[in-house]
Amino acid sequence: SLGPLLDNQDVQDYVNRVGRWVTMHSERPDLPWTFVVLDLEDANAFAAPGGYIVITKGLLLKLNSEAELAGVLGHEASHVVRKHHLSAIKKADAIAFAKGLGDNILDATGKASGKNRAVLELVSAGVALYGVGLDKDSEFEADRMGVVLATRAGYDPFGLPAVLQTIQGSKGDELSFLLSTHPPAGDRLNSLDRAMGSNFDRYDTLPAVEKR
């Protein structure tokens, strides 16, 4: 089990509609994309190879618009499209990778008490493997491509940067896990700023989405 699913079918359907619309504009629109909202207060999102994307209620509640949701889902979908997780697993020794995963989770959750217990359940299920372990270049690329996918789908390109600004300005414990598994929000914003520059009208031609 991944953890407790949010018991609200309307929300699950809504996130799936947005996610599938965004992924239709990727290079892999025919993957069996599946989007799931977990009933966890910790703000996080992660993806697994094959088109499986998870977002927690905690992160969903921090979003202020559908454009922000599209940006987040576009970021996670980009990890799948670019096969970042598969590359990371191939590069890493399996045992060392697993040990590093455990260390990251313990650092993020302390003694695993209270609300963080649910996060550890994700790890025990093996799925949170795909939420950690990526290098910063993969995260930066997923940010750039996430902006591209959301913009191709007709959303405001500033959706994902707005989420990063929210993360940067938040000091709540509910963000500790997300912050521990991604580069600092300020670094991500700087990277996006360099990539976007004055090309706001040309996101569909950014190098980040060229086929390799």
Protein backbone atom coordinates (compact mmCIF):
# COMPACT_ATOMS: atom_id res chain seq x y z
CA SER A 1 0.00 0.00 0.00
CA LEU A 2 1.21 3.50 -0.81
CA GLY A 3 -0.47 4.96 2.21
CA PRO A 4 -3.91 6.40 2.84
CA LEU A 5 -5.62 7.58 -0.32
CA LEU A 6 -7.56 10.81 -0.03
CA ASP A 7 -11.20 9.76 0.30
CA ASN A 8 -12.55 12.30 -2.15
CA GLN A 9 -13.22 10.97 -5.63
CA ASP A 10 -13.91 14.43 -7.03
CA VAL A 11 -10.41 15.58 -6.06
CA GLN A 12 -8.83 12.38 -7.39
CA ASP A 13 -10.68 12.80 -10.69
CA TYR A 14 -9.76 16.47 -10.92
CA VAL A 15 -6.04 15.85 -10.41
CA ASN A 16 -6.17 13.06 -12.99
CA ARG A 17 -7.90 15.32 -15.53
CA VAL A 18 -5.28 18.05 -15.13
CA GLY A 19 -2.41 15.57 -15.11
CA ARG A 20 -3.56 13.70 -18.19
CA TRP A 21 -4.12 16.92 -20.09
CA VAL A 22 -0.59 18.07 -19.27
CA THR A 23 0.99 14.72 -20.16
CA MET A 24 -0.85 14.68 -23.49
CA HIS A 25 1.57 17.45 -24.44
CA SER A 26 4.66 15.41 -23.59
CA GLU A 27 6.71 13.11 -25.80
CA ARG A 28 5.05 10.11 -24.12
CA PRO A 29 1.31 10.86 -24.23
CA ASP A 30 0.36 7.20 -24.59
CA LEU A 31 1.81 6.02 -21.28
CA PRO A 32 -0.86 4.77 -18.84
CA TRP A 33 -0.53 7.95 -16.78
CA THR A 34 -2.07 7.60 -13.32
CA PHE A 35 -2.31 10.37 -10.72
CA VAL A 36 -3.01 9.67 -7.05
CA VAL A 37 -3.63 12.01 -4.10
CA LEU A 38 -2.53 10.66 -0.71
CA ASP A 39 -4.18 11.78 2.51
CA LEU A 40 -0.93 12.98 4.07
CA GLU A 41 -0.21 16.37 5.63
CA ASP A 42 3.44 16.29 4.54
CA ALA A 43 3.82 18.28 1.33
CA ASN A 44 5.40 16.13 -1.34
CA ALA A 45 5.07 14.79 -4.86
CA PHE A 46 6.97 12.08 -6.67
CA ALA A 47 6.82 9.89 -9.74
CA ALA A 48 7.59 6.30 -10.64
CA PRO A 49 8.62 4.93 -14.04
CA GLY A 50 5.70 4.01 -16.22
CA GLY A 51 3.61 7.11 -15.60
CA TYR A 52 2.65 6.79 -11.94
CA ILE A 53 2.55 10.16 -10.15
CA VAL A 54 1.70 10.86 -6.52
CA ILE A 55 0.89 14.17 -4.82
CA THR A 56 -0.03 14.56 -1.17
CA LYS A 57 -2.97 16.48 0.22
CA GLY A 58 -0.44 18.63 2.10
CA LEU A 59 1.10 19.91 -1.11
CA LEU A 60 -2.23 20.18 -2.90
CA LEU A 61 -3.54 22.49 -0.18
CA LYS A 62 -0.55 24.80 -0.62
CA LEU A 63 -1.34 25.37 -4.28
CA ASN A 64 -3.24 28.51 -5.25
CA SER A 65 -4.34 27.72 -8.79
CA GLU A 66 -4.77 25.03 -11.41
CA ALA A 67 -1.73 26.46 -13.19
CA GLU A 68 0.36 25.69 -10.12
CA LEU A 69 -0.98 22.13 -10.04
CA ALA A 70 -0.18 21.76 -13.75
CA GLY A 71 3.36 22.95 -13.10
CA VAL A 72 3.91 20.45 -10.28
CA LEU A 73 2.45 17.56 -12.27
CA GLY A 74 4.45 18.64 -15.32
CA HIS A 75 7.63 18.53 -13.24
CA GLU A 76 6.91 15.00 -12.03
CA ALA A 77 5.84 13.82 -15.48
CA SER A 78 9.12 15.15 -16.86
CA HIS A 79 11.05 12.82 -14.57
CA VAL A 80 9.18 9.94 -16.19
CA VAL A 81 9.60 11.22 -19.75
CA ARG A 82 13.32 11.75 -19.24
CA LYS A 83 13.67 8.42 -17.34
CA HIS A 84 15.58 10.17 -14.57
CA HIS A 85 14.81 7.50 -11.97
CA LEU A 86 15.88 4.64 -14.19
CA SER A 87 19.13 6.44 -14.95
CA ALA A 88 19.77 7.09 -11.26
CA ILE A 89 19.20 3.45 -10.36
CA LYS A 90 21.50 2.27 -13.14
CA LYS A 91 24.25 4.64 -12.05
CA ALA A 92 24.07 3.74 -8.39
CA ASP A 93 25.05 0.56 -6.62
CA ALA A 94 21.76 -0.93 -5.47
CA ILE A 95 22.81 -1.40 -1.84
CA ALA A 96 24.37 2.04 -1.53
CA PHE A 97 21.31 3.57 -3.17
CA ALA A 98 18.99 1.86 -0.70
CA LYS A 99 21.14 2.93 2.25
CA GLY A 100 21.17 6.52 1.03
CA LEU A 101 17.40 6.41 0.71
CA GLY A 102 17.04 5.29 4.30
CA ASP A 103 19.42 7.98 5.55
CA ASN A 104 17.49 10.68 3.69
CA ILE A 105 14.18 9.53 5.12
CA LEU A 106 15.51 9.39 8.67
CA ASP A 107 16.99 12.85 8.32
CA ALA A 108 13.69 14.18 7.03
CA THR A 109 11.42 12.51 9.56
CA GLY A 110 13.43 12.35 12.75
CA LYS A 111 12.14 9.60 14.97
CA ALA A 112 9.26 8.78 12.67
CA SER A 113 6.64 9.85 15.14
CA GLY A 114 3.18 11.26 14.50
CA LYS A 115 2.36 12.38 10.99
CA ASN A 116 5.74 11.29 9.59
CA ARG A 117 4.90 7.66 10.22
CA ALA A 118 2.77 7.70 7.09
CA VAL A 119 5.74 8.93 5.06
CA LEU A 120 7.84 6.02 6.30
CA GLU A 121 5.08 3.67 5.17
CA LEU A 122 5.73 4.94 1.65
CA VAL A 123 9.34 3.92 2.00
CA SER A 124 8.49 0.47 3.31
CA ALA A 125 6.31 -0.01 0.25
CA GLY A 126 9.33 0.76 -1.91
CA VAL A 127 7.59 3.50 -3.86
CA ALA A 128 9.32 6.46 -2.21
CA LEU A 129 12.49 5.23 -3.90
CA TYR A 130 11.32 7.37 -6.77
CA GLY A 131 10.95 10.47 -4.61
CA VAL A 132 14.61 10.73 -3.62
CA GLY A 133 18.01 10.06 -5.07
CA LEU A 134 17.89 12.31 -8.13
CA ASP A 135 20.72 14.74 -8.73
CA LYS A 136 20.12 18.47 -8.95
CA ASP A 137 20.61 18.55 -12.72
CA SER A 138 17.71 16.11 -13.13
CA GLU A 139 15.55 18.29 -10.87
CA PHE A 140 16.49 21.45 -12.76
CA GLU A 141 15.70 19.76 -16.08
CA ALA A 142 12.34 18.58 -14.74
CA ASP A 143 11.57 22.14 -13.64
CA ARG A 144 12.33 23.51 -17.11
CA MET A 145 10.38 20.80 -18.86
CA GLY A 146 7.52 21.07 -16.36
CA VAL A 147 7.11 24.73 -17.30
CA VAL A 148 7.16 23.76 -20.97
CA LEU A 149 4.51 21.04 -20.59
CA ALA A 150 2.18 23.23 -18.53
CA THR A 151 2.55 26.07 -21.02
CA ARG A 152 1.94 23.78 -23.99
CA ALA A 153 -1.26 22.70 -22.21
CA GLY A 154 -2.40 26.32 -22.05
CA TYR A 155 -1.50 27.20 -18.46
CA ASP A 156 0.31 30.24 -17.12
CA PRO A 157 4.06 29.45 -17.33
CA PHE A 158 4.59 31.05 -13.92
CA GLY A 159 2.62 28.30 -12.16
CA LEU A 160 5.64 26.21 -11.14
CA PRO A 161 7.79 29.24 -10.21
CA ALA A 162 4.92 30.40 -7.98
CA VAL A 163 4.96 27.04 -6.18
CA LEU A 164 8.71 27.32 -5.68
CA GLN A 165 8.26 30.80 -4.24
CA THR A 166 5.70 29.41 -1.79
CA ILE A 167 8.12 26.67 -0.78
CA GLN A 168 10.95 29.17 -0.41
CA GLY A 169 8.85 31.35 1.88
CA SER A 170 7.48 28.54 4.03
CA LYS A 171 9.06 27.35 7.26
CA GLY A 172 6.51 24.72 8.21
CA ASP A 173 7.56 21.22 9.28
CA GLU A 174 5.13 19.81 6.72
CA LEU A 175 7.61 20.82 4.01
CA SER A 176 10.63 19.16 5.61
CA PHE A 177 10.36 15.99 3.52
CA LEU A 178 9.93 17.85 0.24
CA LEU A 179 12.86 20.13 1.04
CA SER A 180 15.06 17.18 1.94
CA THR A 181 14.49 15.46 -1.42
CA HIS A 182 14.89 18.44 -3.76
CA PRO A 183 17.46 21.20 -4.28
CA PRO A 184 16.78 24.47 -2.42
CA ALA A 185 13.81 26.33 -3.91
CA GLY A 186 15.96 29.41 -4.43
CA ASP A 187 18.42 27.46 -6.57
CA ARG A 188 15.55 26.02 -8.60
CA LEU A 189 14.09 29.49 -9.15
CA ASN A 190 17.47 30.84 -10.28
CA SER A 191 17.86 27.96 -12.71
CA LEU A 192 14.38 28.53 -14.11
CA ASP A 193 15.00 32.25 -14.41
CA ARG A 194 18.10 31.62 -16.51
CA ALA A 195 16.26 29.12 -18.70
CA MET A 196 13.16 31.24 -19.19
CA GLY A 197 14.86 34.61 -19.57
CA SER A 198 13.02 36.70 -22.12
CA ASN A 199 11.65 33.68 -23.98
CA PHE A 200 8.23 33.73 -22.35
CA ASP A 201 6.46 33.37 -25.69
CA ARG A 202 8.62 30.51 -26.93
CA TYR A 203 8.38 27.79 -24.28
CA ASP A 204 7.29 25.22 -26.81
CA THR A 205 10.71 25.45 -28.46
CA LEU A 206 12.94 25.41 -25.37
CA PRO A 207 15.81 22.89 -25.64
CA ALA A 208 14.46 21.02 -22.61
CA VAL A 209 11.78 19.36 -24.73
CA GLU A 210 13.82 18.41 -27.76
CA LYS A 211 13.86 14.67 -28.38
CA ARG A 212 17.15 12.96 -27.80
